[in-house]
PDB file of N, CA and C in Angstrom:
ATOM      1  N   MET A   1      66.946 -37.425  20.784  1.00  0.00           N
ATOM      2  CA  MET A   1      66.081 -37.984  19.813  1.00  0.00           C
ATOM      3  C   MET A   1      65.324 -39.164  20.358  1.00  0.00           C
ATOM      4  N   SER A   2      65.973 -39.968  21.208  1.00  0.00           N
ATOM      5  CA  SER A   2      65.321 -41.146  21.723  1.00  0.00           C
ATOM      6  C   SER A   2      64.158 -40.736  22.668  1.00  0.00           C
ATOM      7  N   SER A   3      64.330 -39.604  23.340  1.00  0.00           N
ATOM      8  CA  SER A   3      63.244 -39.172  24.247  1.00  0.00           C
ATOM      9  C   SER A   3      62.023 -38.760  23.459  1.00  0.00           C
ATOM     10  N   ALA A   4      62.184 -38.181  22.247  1.00  0.00           N
ATOM     11  CA  ALA A   4      61.067 -37.779  21.375  1.00  0.00           C
ATOM     12  C   ALA A   4      60.313 -39.029  20.875  1.00  0.00           C
ATOM     13  N   LYS A   5      61.166 -40.061  20.596  1.00  0.00           N
ATOM     14  CA  LYS A   5      60.505 -41.318  20.093  1.00  0.00           C
ATOM     15  C   LYS A   5      59.611 -41.914  21.161  1.00  0.00           C
ATOM     16  N   GLN A   6      60.133 -41.903  22.375  1.00  0.00           N
ATOM     17  CA  GLN A   6      59.399 -42.541  23.526  1.00  0.00           C
ATOM     18  C   GLN A   6      58.110 -41.751  23.783  1.00  0.00           C
ATOM     19  N   SER A   7      58.139 -40.495  23.652  1.00  0.00           N
ATOM     20  CA  SER A   7      56.895 -39.700  23.950  1.00  0.00           C
ATOM     21  C   SER A   7      55.864 -39.944  22.910  1.00  0.00           C
ATOM     22  N   LYS A   8      56.255 -40.242  21.652  1.00  0.00           N
ATOM     23  CA  LYS A   8      55.250 -40.437  20.586  1.00  0.00           C
ATOM     24  C   LYS A   8      54.614 -41.837  20.703  1.00  0.00           C
ATOM     25  N   GLU A   9      55.382 -42.796  21.178  1.00  0.00           N
ATOM     26  CA  GLU A   9      54.855 -44.152  21.319  1.00  0.00           C
ATOM     27  C   GLU A   9      53.915 -44.212  22.503  1.00  0.00           C
ATOM     28  N   LYS A  10      52.862 -45.052  22.348  1.00  0.00           N
ATOM     29  CA  LYS A  10      51.921 -45.188  23.439  1.00  0.00           C
ATOM     30  C   LYS A  10      52.413 -46.121  24.472  1.00  0.00           C
ATOM     31  N   ASP A  11      52.142 -45.843  25.697  1.00  0.00           N
ATOM     32  CA  ASP A  11      52.485 -46.783  26.727  1.00  0.00           C
ATOM     33  C   ASP A  11      51.468 -47.920  26.689  1.00  0.00           C
ATOM     34  N   PRO A  12      51.913 -49.122  26.910  1.00  0.00           N
ATOM     35  CA  PRO A  12      50.940 -50.249  26.902  1.00  0.00           C
ATOM     36  C   PRO A  12      49.895 -50.065  28.053  1.00  0.00           C
ATOM     37  N   ALA A  13      48.607 -50.248  27.693  1.00  0.00           N
ATOM     38  CA  ALA A  13      47.578 -50.045  28.677  1.00  0.00           C
ATOM     39  C   ALA A  13      47.627 -51.134  29.729  1.00  0.00           C
ATOM     40  N   ASP A  14      47.392 -50.784  30.957  1.00  0.00           N
ATOM     41  CA  ASP A  14      47.336 -51.765  32.021  1.00  0.00           C
ATOM     42  C   ASP A  14      46.014 -52.448  32.144  1.00  0.00           C
ATOM     43  N   ILE A  15      45.843 -53.385  32.986  1.00  0.00           N
ATOM     44  CA  ILE A  15      44.613 -54.197  33.090  1.00  0.00           C
ATOM     45  C   ILE A  15      43.427 -53.302  33.563  1.00  0.00           C
ATOM     46  N   VAL A  16      43.681 -52.363  34.418  1.00  0.00           N
ATOM     47  CA  VAL A  16      42.595 -51.545  34.925  1.00  0.00           C
ATOM     48  C   VAL A  16      42.033 -50.653  33.756  1.00  0.00           C
ATOM     49  N   ASN A  17      42.919 -50.068  32.982  1.00  0.00           N
ATOM     50  CA  ASN A  17      42.454 -49.246  31.829  1.00  0.00           C
ATOM     51  C   ASN A  17      41.695 -50.094  30.805  1.00  0.00           C
ATOM     52  N   GLN A  18      42.265 -51.270  30.529  1.00  0.00           N
ATOM     53  CA  GLN A  18      41.625 -52.154  29.546  1.00  0.00           C
ATOM     54  C   GLN A  18      40.232 -52.560  30.049  1.00  0.00           C
ATOM     55  N   ASN A  19      40.104 -52.813  31.352  1.00  0.00           N
ATOM     56  CA  ASN A  19      38.797 -53.197  31.920  1.00  0.00           C
ATOM     57  C   ASN A  19      37.824 -51.992  31.803  1.00  0.00           C
ATOM     58  N   ALA A  20      38.284 -50.798  32.077  1.00  0.00           N
ATOM     59  CA  ALA A  20      37.422 -49.616  31.963  1.00  0.00           C
ATOM     60  C   ALA A  20      36.951 -49.429  30.520  1.00  0.00           C
ATOM     61  N   ILE A  21      37.850 -49.565  29.554  1.00  0.00           N
ATOM     62  CA  ILE A  21      37.464 -49.452  28.139  1.00  0.00           C
ATOM     63  C   ILE A  21      36.431 -50.548  27.762  1.00  0.00           C
ATOM     64  N   HIS A  22      36.629 -51.755  28.238  1.00  0.00           N
ATOM     65  CA  HIS A  22      35.743 -52.828  27.978  1.00  0.00           C
ATOM     66  C   HIS A  22      34.320 -52.585  28.575  1.00  0.00           C
ATOM     67  N   ILE A  23      34.297 -52.077  29.813  1.00  0.00           N
ATOM     68  CA  ILE A  23      33.005 -51.715  30.432  1.00  0.00           C
ATOM     69  C   ILE A  23      32.293 -50.643  29.655  1.00  0.00           C
ATOM     70  N   GLU A  24      32.988 -49.645  29.273  1.00  0.00           N
ATOM     71  CA  GLU A  24      32.408 -48.548  28.501  1.00  0.00           C
ATOM     72  C   GLU A  24      31.853 -49.035  27.184  1.00  0.00           C
ATOM     73  N   THR A  25      32.577 -49.891  26.507  1.00  0.00           N
ATOM     74  CA  THR A  25      32.074 -50.447  25.253  1.00  0.00           C
ATOM     75  C   THR A  25      30.788 -51.250  25.422  1.00  0.00           C
ATOM     76  N   ILE A  26      30.759 -52.086  26.493  1.00  0.00           N
ATOM     77  CA  ILE A  26      29.540 -52.820  26.732  1.00  0.00           C
ATOM     78  C   ILE A  26      28.355 -51.948  27.065  1.00  0.00           C
ATOM     79  N   LYS A  27      28.547 -50.853  27.826  1.00  0.00           N
ATOM     80  CA  LYS A  27      27.464 -49.927  28.137  1.00  0.00           C
ATOM     81  C   LYS A  27      26.964 -49.317  26.876  1.00  0.00           C
ATOM     82  N   LYS A  28      27.837 -48.901  25.970  1.00  0.00           N
ATOM     83  CA  LYS A  28      27.400 -48.311  24.705  1.00  0.00           C
ATOM     84  C   LYS A  28      26.577 -49.301  23.896  1.00  0.00           C
ATOM     85  N   GLU A  29      27.037 -50.529  23.814  1.00  0.00           N
ATOM     86  CA  GLU A  29      26.292 -51.558  23.061  1.00  0.00           C
ATOM     87  C   GLU A  29      24.930 -51.798  23.697  1.00  0.00           C
ATOM     88  N   ASN A  30      24.835 -51.841  24.998  1.00  0.00           N
ATOM     89  CA  ASN A  30      23.536 -52.124  25.650  1.00  0.00           C
ATOM     90  C   ASN A  30      22.561 -50.982  25.452  1.00  0.00           C
ATOM     91  N   ARG A  31      23.029 -49.763  25.296  1.00  0.00           N
ATOM     92  CA  ARG A  31      22.160 -48.634  25.095  1.00  0.00           C
ATOM     93  C   ARG A  31      21.471 -48.736  23.761  1.00  0.00           C
ATOM     94  N   SER A  32      22.139 -49.264  22.748  1.00  0.00           N
ATOM     95  CA  SER A  32      21.535 -49.345  21.382  1.00  0.00           C
ATOM     96  C   SER A  32      20.718 -50.588  21.174  1.00  0.00           C
ATOM     97  N   GLN A  33      20.786 -51.542  21.994  1.00  0.00           N
ATOM     98  CA  GLN A  33      20.043 -52.786  21.824  1.00  0.00           C
ATOM     99  C   GLN A  33      18.702 -52.752  22.502  1.00  0.00           C
ATOM    100  N   LYS A  34      17.750 -53.405  21.880  1.00  0.00           N
ATOM    101  CA  LYS A  34      16.442 -53.569  22.481  1.00  0.00           C
ATOM    102  C   LYS A  34      16.083 -55.034  22.618  1.00  0.00           C
ATOM    103  N   VAL A  35      15.535 -55.438  23.720  1.00  0.00           N
ATOM    104  CA  VAL A  35      15.202 -56.831  23.939  1.00  0.00           C
ATOM    105  C   VAL A  35      13.646 -56.936  23.820  1.00  0.00           C
ATOM    106  N   PHE A  36      13.235 -57.701  22.834  1.00  0.00           N
ATOM    107  CA  PHE A  36      11.772 -57.940  22.642  1.00  0.00           C
ATOM    108  C   PHE A  36      11.374 -59.196  23.286  1.00  0.00           C
ATOM    109  N   THR A  37      10.423 -59.110  24.210  1.00  0.00           N
ATOM    110  CA  THR A  37       9.943 -60.352  24.884  1.00  0.00           C
ATOM    111  C   THR A  37       8.467 -60.621  24.565  1.00  0.00           C
ATOM    112  N   LEU A  38       7.758 -59.634  24.011  1.00  0.00           N
ATOM    113  CA  LEU A  38       6.376 -59.844  23.649  1.00  0.00           C
ATOM    114  C   LEU A  38       6.232 -60.038  22.158  1.00  0.00           C
ATOM    115  N   PHE A  39       5.622 -61.202  21.802  1.00  0.00           N
ATOM    116  CA  PHE A  39       5.436 -61.467  20.370  1.00  0.00           C
ATOM    117  C   PHE A  39       3.960 -61.720  20.144  1.00  0.00           C
ATOM    118  N   SER A  40       3.511 -61.380  18.987  1.00  0.00           N
ATOM    119  CA  SER A  40       2.131 -61.684  18.633  1.00  0.00           C
ATOM    120  C   SER A  40       2.037 -61.950  17.147  1.00  0.00           C
ATOM    121  N   VAL A  41       0.957 -62.596  16.734  1.00  0.00           N
ATOM    122  CA  VAL A  41       0.732 -62.912  15.317  1.00  0.00           C
ATOM    123  C   VAL A  41      -0.083 -61.810  14.693  1.00  0.00           C
ATOM    124  N   TRP A  42       0.363 -61.322  13.585  1.00  0.00           N
ATOM    125  CA  TRP A  42      -0.345 -60.288  12.877  1.00  0.00           C
ATOM    126  C   TRP A  42      -1.412 -60.905  12.005  1.00  0.00           C
ATOM    127  N   ILE A  43      -2.645 -60.448  12.206  1.00  0.00           N
ATOM    128  CA  ILE A  43      -3.777 -60.982  11.427  1.00  0.00           C
ATOM    129  C   ILE A  43      -4.365 -59.798  10.640  1.00  0.00           C
ATOM    130  N   ASN A  44      -4.538 -59.956   9.388  1.00  0.00           N
ATOM    131  CA  ASN A  44      -5.133 -59.000   8.552  1.00  0.00           C
ATOM    132  C   ASN A  44      -6.700 -59.126   8.648  1.00  0.00           C
ATOM    133  N   VAL A  45      -7.379 -58.154   9.253  1.00  0.00           N
ATOM    134  CA  VAL A  45      -8.788 -58.303   9.501  1.00  0.00           C
ATOM    135  C   VAL A  45      -9.569 -58.219   8.203  1.00  0.00           C
ATOM    136  N   ASN A  46      -9.046 -57.466   7.275  1.00  0.00           N
ATOM    137  CA  ASN A  46      -9.745 -57.286   5.998  1.00  0.00           C
ATOM    138  C   ASN A  46      -9.715 -58.468   5.058  1.00  0.00           C
ATOM    139  N   GLU A  47      -8.779 -59.365   5.277  1.00  0.00           N
ATOM    140  CA  GLU A  47      -8.621 -60.552   4.455  1.00  0.00           C
ATOM    141  C   GLU A  47      -9.672 -61.577   4.820  1.00  0.00           C
ATOM    142  N   GLU A  48     -10.316 -62.160   3.803  1.00  0.00           N
ATOM    143  CA  GLU A  48     -11.282 -63.222   4.079  1.00  0.00           C
ATOM    144  C   GLU A  48     -10.598 -64.527   4.306  1.00  0.00           C
ATOM    145  N   PHE A  49     -11.159 -65.365   5.145  1.00  0.00           N
ATOM    146  CA  PHE A  49     -10.565 -66.663   5.408  1.00  0.00           C
ATOM    147  C   PHE A  49     -11.126 -67.686   4.452  1.00  0.00           C
ATOM    148  N   HIS A  50     -10.260 -68.452   3.857  1.00  0.00           N
ATOM    149  CA  HIS A  50     -10.688 -69.511   2.907  1.00  0.00           C
ATOM    150  C   HIS A  50     -10.423 -70.865   3.468  1.00  0.00           C
ATOM    151  N   ASP A  51     -11.038 -71.848   2.961  1.00  0.00           N
ATOM    152  CA  ASP A  51     -10.842 -73.266   3.384  1.00  0.00           C
ATOM    153  C   ASP A  51      -9.551 -73.787   2.844  1.00  0.00           C
ATOM    154  N   GLU A  52      -9.096 -73.268   1.749  1.00  0.00           N
ATOM    155  CA  GLU A  52      -7.842 -73.732   1.113  1.00  0.00           C
ATOM    156  C   GLU A  52      -6.633 -73.172   1.848  1.00  0.00           C
ATOM    157  N   GLN A  53      -5.574 -74.015   1.925  1.00  0.00           N
ATOM    158  CA  GLN A  53      -4.363 -73.612   2.564  1.00  0.00           C
ATOM    159  C   GLN A  53      -3.549 -72.778   1.593  1.00  0.00           C
ATOM    160  N   PRO A  54      -2.773 -71.823   2.089  1.00  0.00           N
ATOM    161  CA  PRO A  54      -1.891 -71.042   1.189  1.00  0.00           C
ATOM    162  C   PRO A  54      -0.853 -71.968   0.579  1.00  0.00           C
ATOM    163  N   LEU A  55      -0.276 -71.561  -0.538  1.00  0.00           N
ATOM    164  CA  LEU A  55       0.636 -72.353  -1.286  1.00  0.00           C
ATOM    165  C   LEU A  55       1.918 -72.699  -0.509  1.00  0.00           C
ATOM    166  N   PHE A  56       2.420 -71.719   0.251  1.00  0.00           N
ATOM    167  CA  PHE A  56       3.601 -71.961   1.064  1.00  0.00           C
ATOM    168  C   PHE A  56       3.378 -73.056   2.110  1.00  0.00           C
ATOM    169  N   LEU A  57       2.156 -73.163   2.630  1.00  0.00           N
ATOM    170  CA  LEU A  57       1.881 -74.220   3.614  1.00  0.00           C
ATOM    171  C   LEU A  57       1.773 -75.587   2.971  1.00  0.00           C
ATOM    172  N   ILE A  58       1.358 -75.608   1.731  1.00  0.00           N
ATOM    173  CA  ILE A  58       1.291 -76.878   1.016  1.00  0.00           C
ATOM    174  C   ILE A  58       2.702 -77.444   0.792  1.00  0.00           C
ATOM    175  N   PHE A  59       3.548 -76.524   0.277  1.00  0.00           N
ATOM    176  CA  PHE A  59       4.914 -76.932   0.024  1.00  0.00           C
ATOM    177  C   PHE A  59       5.800 -77.200   1.291  1.00  0.00           C
ATOM    178  N   PHE A  60       5.288 -76.739   2.421  1.00  0.00           N
ATOM    179  CA  PHE A  60       5.996 -76.873   3.669  1.00  0.00           C
ATOM    180  C   PHE A  60       6.096 -78.375   4.061  1.00  0.00           C
ATOM    181  N   HIS A  61       5.102 -79.148   3.703  1.00  0.00           N
ATOM    182  CA  HIS A  61       5.039 -80.581   4.093  1.00  0.00           C
ATOM    183  C   HIS A  61       5.841 -81.457   3.120  1.00  0.00           C
ATOM    184  N   PHE A  62       6.266 -80.954   1.947  1.00  0.00           N
ATOM    185  CA  PHE A  62       6.988 -81.740   0.969  1.00  0.00           C
ATOM    186  C   PHE A  62       8.439 -81.922   1.331  1.00  0.00           C
ATOM    187  N   SER A  63       9.008 -82.990   0.874  1.00  0.00           N
ATOM    188  CA  SER A  63      10.445 -83.188   1.053  1.00  0.00           C
ATOM    189  C   SER A  63      11.212 -82.263   0.115  1.00  0.00           C
ATOM    190  N   PRO A  64      12.453 -81.960   0.399  1.00  0.00           N
ATOM    191  CA  PRO A  64      13.202 -81.066  -0.490  1.00  0.00           C
ATOM    192  C   PRO A  64      13.326 -81.541  -1.892  1.00  0.00           C
ATOM    193  N   THR A  65      13.361 -82.831  -2.124  1.00  0.00           N
ATOM    194  CA  THR A  65      13.458 -83.342  -3.496  1.00  0.00           C
ATOM    195  C   THR A  65      12.217 -83.064  -4.313  1.00  0.00           C
ATOM    196  N   LYS A  66      11.061 -82.868  -3.647  1.00  0.00           N
ATOM    197  CA  LYS A  66       9.793 -82.565  -4.301  1.00  0.00           C
ATOM    198  C   LYS A  66       9.659 -81.044  -4.501  1.00  0.00           C
ATOM    199  N   LYS A  67      10.327 -80.272  -3.653  1.00  0.00           N
ATOM    200  CA  LYS A  67      10.212 -78.802  -3.661  1.00  0.00           C
ATOM    201  C   LYS A  67      11.148 -78.223  -4.756  1.00  0.00           C
ATOM    202  N   TYR A  68      12.337 -78.779  -4.846  1.00  0.00           N
ATOM    203  CA  TYR A  68      13.376 -78.178  -5.681  1.00  0.00           C
ATOM    204  C   TYR A  68      13.842 -79.196  -6.707  1.00  0.00           C
ATOM    205  N   THR A  69      14.390 -78.703  -7.805  1.00  0.00           N
ATOM    206  CA  THR A  69      14.963 -79.622  -8.849  1.00  0.00           C
ATOM    207  C   THR A  69      16.400 -79.962  -8.503  1.00  0.00           C
ATOM    208  N   HIS A  70      17.114 -79.078  -7.864  1.00  0.00           N
ATOM    209  CA  HIS A  70      18.527 -79.325  -7.527  1.00  0.00           C
ATOM    210  C   HIS A  70      18.696 -79.146  -6.006  1.00  0.00           C
ATOM    211  N   PRO A  71      19.751 -79.780  -5.476  1.00  0.00           N
ATOM    212  CA  PRO A  71      19.987 -79.588  -3.982  1.00  0.00           C
ATOM    213  C   PRO A  71      20.350 -78.123  -3.711  1.00  0.00           C
ATOM    214  N   GLN A  72      19.824 -77.590  -2.600  1.00  0.00           N
ATOM    215  CA  GLN A  72      20.018 -76.188  -2.216  1.00  0.00           C
ATOM    216  C   GLN A  72      21.258 -75.986  -1.375  1.00  0.00           C
ATOM    217  N   THR A  73      21.699 -77.013  -0.643  1.00  0.00           N
ATOM    218  CA  THR A  73      22.920 -76.980   0.172  1.00  0.00           C
ATOM    219  C   THR A  73      23.841 -78.146  -0.162  1.00  0.00           C
ATOM    220  N   GLU A  74      25.061 -78.061   0.363  1.00  0.00           N
ATOM    221  CA  GLU A  74      26.004 -79.147   0.165  1.00  0.00           C
ATOM    222  C   GLU A  74      25.538 -80.420   0.862  1.00  0.00           C
ATOM    223  N   SER A  75      24.960 -80.269   2.024  1.00  0.00           N
ATOM    224  CA  SER A  75      24.558 -81.443   2.800  1.00  0.00           C
ATOM    225  C   SER A  75      23.375 -82.175   2.099  1.00  0.00           C
ATOM    226  N   GLN A  76      22.606 -81.460   1.278  1.00  0.00           N
ATOM    227  CA  GLN A  76      21.514 -82.099   0.556  1.00  0.00           C
ATOM    228  C   GLN A  76      22.023 -82.892  -0.627  1.00  0.00           C
ATOM    229  N   GLU A  77      23.239 -82.627  -1.048  1.00  0.00           N
ATOM    230  CA  GLU A  77      23.774 -83.346  -2.240  1.00  0.00           C
ATOM    231  C   GLU A  77      23.913 -84.809  -1.927  1.00  0.00           C
ATOM    232  N   ILE A  78      24.205 -85.169  -0.696  1.00  0.00           N
ATOM    233  CA  ILE A  78      24.337 -86.554  -0.299  1.00  0.00           C
ATOM    234  C   ILE A  78      22.942 -87.108  -0.159  1.00  0.00           C
ATOM    235  N   GLY A  79      22.589 -88.085  -0.964  1.00  0.00           N
ATOM    236  CA  GLY A  79      21.293 -88.730  -0.925  1.00  0.00           C
ATOM    237  C   GLY A  79      20.232 -88.018  -1.755  1.00  0.00           C
ATOM    238  N   TRP A  80      20.604 -87.003  -2.529  1.00  0.00           N
ATOM    239  CA  TRP A  80      19.577 -86.281  -3.346  1.00  0.00           C
ATOM    240  C   TRP A  80      18.947 -87.226  -4.337  1.00  0.00           C
ATOM    241  N   ILE A  81      19.756 -88.036  -5.008  1.00  0.00           N
ATOM    242  CA  ILE A  81      19.215 -89.045  -5.963  1.00  0.00           C
ATOM    243  C   ILE A  81      19.096 -90.301  -5.195  1.00  0.00           C
ATOM    244  N   SER A  82      17.929 -90.671  -4.790  1.00  0.00           N
ATOM    245  CA  SER A  82      17.750 -91.824  -3.906  1.00  0.00           C
ATOM    246  C   SER A  82      17.347 -93.050  -4.693  1.00  0.00           C
ATOM    247  N   ARG A  83      17.007 -92.924  -5.978  1.00  0.00           N
ATOM    248  CA  ARG A  83      16.669 -94.125  -6.717  1.00  0.00           C
ATOM    249  C   ARG A  83      17.947 -94.790  -7.194  1.00  0.00           C
ATOM    250  N   PRO A  84      17.952 -96.123  -7.355  1.00  0.00           N
ATOM    251  CA  PRO A  84      19.178 -96.800  -7.752  1.00  0.00           C
ATOM    252  C   PRO A  84      19.591 -96.431  -9.180  1.00  0.00           C
ATOM    253  N   LEU A  85      20.910 -96.464  -9.359  1.00  0.00           N
ATOM    254  CA  LEU A  85      21.419 -96.053 -10.697  1.00  0.00           C
ATOM    255  C   LEU A  85      21.111 -97.084 -11.780  1.00  0.00           C
ATOM    256  N   ILE A  86      21.132 -98.326 -11.343  1.00  0.00           N
ATOM    257  CA  ILE A  86      20.786 -99.457 -12.285  1.00  0.00           C
ATOM    258  C   ILE A  86      19.588-100.223 -11.692  1.00  0.00           C
ATOM    259  N   VAL A  87      18.914-100.915 -12.572  1.00  0.00           N
ATOM    260  CA  VAL A  87      17.737-101.770 -12.118  1.00  0.00           C
ATOM    261  C   VAL A  87      18.316-102.996 -11.461  1.00  0.00           C
ATOM    262  N   PRO A  88      17.943-103.267 -10.217  1.00  0.00           N
ATOM    263  CA  PRO A  88      18.428-104.461  -9.518  1.00  0.00           C
ATOM    264  C   PRO A  88      17.969-105.714 -10.222  1.00  0.00           C
ATOM    265  N   ASP A  89      18.927-106.597 -10.533  1.00  0.00           N
ATOM    266  CA  ASP A  89      18.598-107.832 -11.217  1.00  0.00           C
ATOM    267  C   ASP A  89      19.094-108.969 -10.322  1.00  0.00           C
ATOM    268  N   ARG A  90      18.158-109.762  -9.779  1.00  0.00           N
ATOM    269  CA  ARG A  90      18.523-110.811  -8.836  1.00  0.00           C
ATOM    270  C   ARG A  90      19.265-111.951  -9.489  1.00  0.00           C
ATOM    271  N   SER A  91      19.112-112.140 -10.805  1.00  0.00           N
ATOM    272  CA  SER A  91      19.794-113.234 -11.447  1.00  0.00           C
ATOM    273  C   SER A  91      21.230-112.890 -11.821  1.00  0.00           C
ATOM    274  N   ASP A  92      21.671-111.626 -11.730  1.00  0.00           N
ATOM    275  CA  ASP A  92      23.011-111.257 -11.996  1.00  0.00           C
ATOM    276  C   ASP A  92      23.911-111.555 -10.849  1.00  0.00           C
ATOM    277  N   ARG A  93      24.875-112.505 -11.060  1.00  0.00           N
ATOM    278  CA  ARG A  93      25.705-112.953  -9.928  1.00  0.00           C
ATOM    279  C   ARG A  93      26.789-111.905  -9.597  1.00  0.00           C
ATOM    280  N   ARG A  94      27.042-110.921 -10.482  1.00  0.00           N
ATOM    281  CA  ARG A  94      28.064-109.925 -10.189  1.00  0.00           C
ATOM    282  C   ARG A  94      27.571-108.996  -9.069  1.00  0.00           C
ATOM    283  N   LEU A  95      26.291-108.730  -8.994  1.00  0.00           N
ATOM    284  CA  LEU A  95      25.734-107.741  -8.007  1.00  0.00           C
ATOM    285  C   LEU A  95      25.007-108.403  -6.882  1.00  0.00           C
ATOM    286  N   ASN A  96      24.564-109.659  -7.020  1.00  0.00           N
ATOM    287  CA  ASN A  96      23.764-110.304  -6.005  1.00  0.00           C
ATOM    288  C   ASN A  96      24.542-111.457  -5.420  1.00  0.00           C
ATOM    289  N   TRP A  97      25.046-111.302  -4.264  1.00  0.00           N
ATOM    290  CA  TRP A  97      25.720-112.388  -3.618  1.00  0.00           C
ATOM    291  C   TRP A  97      24.877-112.891  -2.490  1.00  0.00           C
ATOM    292  N   SER A  98      24.200-113.972  -2.740  1.00  0.00           N
ATOM    293  CA  SER A  98      23.334-114.491  -1.733  1.00  0.00           C
ATOM    294  C   SER A  98      24.111-115.214  -0.649  1.00  0.00           C
ATOM    295  N   ARG A  99      23.522-115.439   0.493  1.00  0.00           N
ATOM    296  CA  ARG A  99      24.195-116.065   1.640  1.00  0.00           C
ATOM    297  C   ARG A  99      24.350-117.546   1.317  1.00  0.00           C
ATOM    298  N   GLN A 100      25.526-118.013   1.456  1.00  0.00           N
ATOM    299  CA  GLN A 100      25.802-119.472   1.236  1.00  0.00           C
ATOM    300  C   GLN A 100      26.262-120.106   2.575  1.00  0.00           C
ATOM    301  N   ASN A 101      25.707-121.259   2.833  1.00  0.00           N
ATOM    302  CA  ASN A 101      26.026-121.981   4.049  1.00  0.00           C
ATOM    303  C   ASN A 101      26.916-123.152   3.714  1.00  0.00           C
ATOM    304  N   SER A 102      27.943-123.365   4.540  1.00  0.00           N
ATOM    305  CA  SER A 102      28.767-124.551   4.499  1.00  0.00           C
ATOM    306  C   SER A 102      28.634-125.258   5.840  1.00  0.00           C
ATOM    307  N   GLU A 103      29.410-126.306   5.958  1.00  0.00           N
ATOM    308  CA  GLU A 103      29.337-127.067   7.249  1.00  0.00           C
ATOM    309  C   GLU A 103      29.786-126.162   8.418  1.00  0.00           C
ATOM    310  N   ILE A 104      30.856-125.377   8.221  1.00  0.00           N
ATOM    311  CA  ILE A 104      31.410-124.599   9.289  1.00  0.00           C
ATOM    312  C   ILE A 104      30.445-123.447   9.660  1.00  0.00           C
ATOM    313  N   THR A 105      29.764-122.840   8.653  1.00  0.00           N
ATOM    314  CA  THR A 105      28.868-121.701   8.968  1.00  0.00           C
ATOM    315  C   THR A 105      27.594-122.260   9.648  1.00  0.00           C
ATOM    316  N   LYS A 106      27.131-123.453   9.315  1.00  0.00           N
ATOM    317  CA  LYS A 106      25.993-124.072   9.992  1.00  0.00           C
ATOM    318  C   LYS A 106      26.333-124.368  11.435  1.00  0.00           C
ATOM    319  N   TYR A 107      27.561-124.858  11.658  1.00  0.00           N
ATOM    320  CA  TYR A 107      28.012-125.199  13.013  1.00  0.00           C
ATOM    321  C   TYR A 107      28.099-123.934  13.894  1.00  0.00           C
ATOM    322  N   MET A 108      28.666-122.851  13.306  1.00  0.00           N
ATOM    323  CA  MET A 108      28.817-121.628  14.092  1.00  0.00           C
ATOM    324  C   MET A 108      27.469-120.914  14.355  1.00  0.00           C
ATOM    325  N   ASP A 109      26.531-120.986  13.387  1.00  0.00           N
ATOM    326  CA  ASP A 109      25.145-120.479  13.635  1.00  0.00           C
ATOM    327  C   ASP A 109      24.507-121.167  14.776  1.00  0.00           C
ATOM    328  N   ALA A 110      24.641-122.491  14.844  1.00  0.00           N
ATOM    329  CA  ALA A 110      24.061-123.258  15.935  1.00  0.00           C
ATOM    330  C   ALA A 110      24.790-122.912  17.255  1.00  0.00           C
ATOM    331  N   ALA A 111      26.074-122.775  17.267  1.00  0.00           N
ATOM    332  CA  ALA A 111      26.806-122.425  18.496  1.00  0.00           C
ATOM    333  C   ALA A 111      26.434-121.023  18.970  1.00  0.00           C
ATOM    334  N   TRP A 112      26.286-120.058  18.073  1.00  0.00           N
ATOM    335  CA  TRP A 112      25.913-118.719  18.524  1.00  0.00           C
ATOM    336  C   TRP A 112      24.458-118.629  19.043  1.00  0.00           C
ATOM    337  N   ARG A 113      23.591-119.443  18.408  1.00  0.00           N
ATOM    338  CA  ARG A 113      22.210-119.495  18.925  1.00  0.00           C
ATOM    339  C   ARG A 113      22.158-120.072  20.300  1.00  0.00           C
ATOM    340  N   LEU A 114      22.952-121.160  20.500  1.00  0.00           N
ATOM    341  CA  LEU A 114      22.991-121.801  21.822  1.00  0.00           C
ATOM    342  C   LEU A 114      23.605-120.847  22.849  1.00  0.00           C
ATOM    343  N   LYS A 115      24.624-120.077  22.489  1.00  0.00           N
ATOM    344  CA  LYS A 115      25.253-119.090  23.408  1.00  0.00           C
ATOM    345  C   LYS A 115      24.255-117.976  23.785  1.00  0.00           C
ATOM    346  N   GLU A 116      23.511-117.518  22.783  1.00  0.00           N
ATOM    347  CA  GLU A 116      22.520-116.436  23.052  1.00  0.00           C
ATOM    348  C   GLU A 116      21.396-116.928  23.907  1.00  0.00           C
ATOM    349  N   GLN A 117      20.972-118.179  23.790  1.00  0.00           N
ATOM    350  CA  GLN A 117      19.915-118.746  24.593  1.00  0.00           C
ATOM    351  C   GLN A 117      20.372-118.914  26.069  1.00  0.00           C
ATOM    352  N   THR A 118      21.653-119.335  26.258  1.00  0.00           N
ATOM    353  CA  THR A 118      22.123-119.479  27.606  1.00  0.00           C
ATOM    354  C   THR A 118      22.309-118.102  28.302  1.00  0.00           C
ATOM    355  N   GLN A 119      22.750-117.121  27.558  1.00  0.00           N
ATOM    356  CA  GLN A 119      22.916-115.776  28.129  1.00  0.00           C
ATOM    357  C   GLN A 119      21.584-115.165  28.453  1.00  0.00           C
ATOM    358  N   ASN A 120      20.505-115.375  27.681  1.00  0.00           N
ATOM    359  CA  ASN A 120      19.212-114.818  27.948  1.00  0.00           C
ATOM    360  C   ASN A 120      18.548-115.493  29.142  1.00  0.00           C
ATOM    361  N   LEU A 121      18.806-116.788  29.303  1.00  0.00           N
ATOM    362  CA  LEU A 121      18.232-117.462  30.455  1.00  0.00           C
ATOM    363  C   LEU A 121      18.925-117.097  31.759  1.00  0.00           C
ATOM    364  N   GLY A 122      20.178-116.874  31.746  1.00  0.00           N
ATOM    365  CA  GLY A 122      21.028-116.695  32.935  1.00  0.00           C
ATOM    366  C   GLY A 122      21.163-115.309  33.283  1.00  0.00           C
TER     367      GLY A 122
END
């Protein structure tokens, strides 16, 4: 019974047979493929030429936010709404933190300026 089992099972293919099968598969694929290297623009001779651009060329130059009402891809979702959510108010201290100078920051600004000047000269 064990000899019948062994005859039904396939022997593992060796590297030479696998390579031959691979080469045959590639040849079959190459027979059905065509490589096009010559390209041309199709022009309809019967169509009259107008000074106006077609509609798709006009929309080609617009940004996606002007073309569509909603983002078309997930990467467009980031930055789709580019206007601020609230009106910026410069008098509101919660949102506007202006730069404040103290004695230490004035000293360090002067020290960094001096360091940059010596590096640029030397």
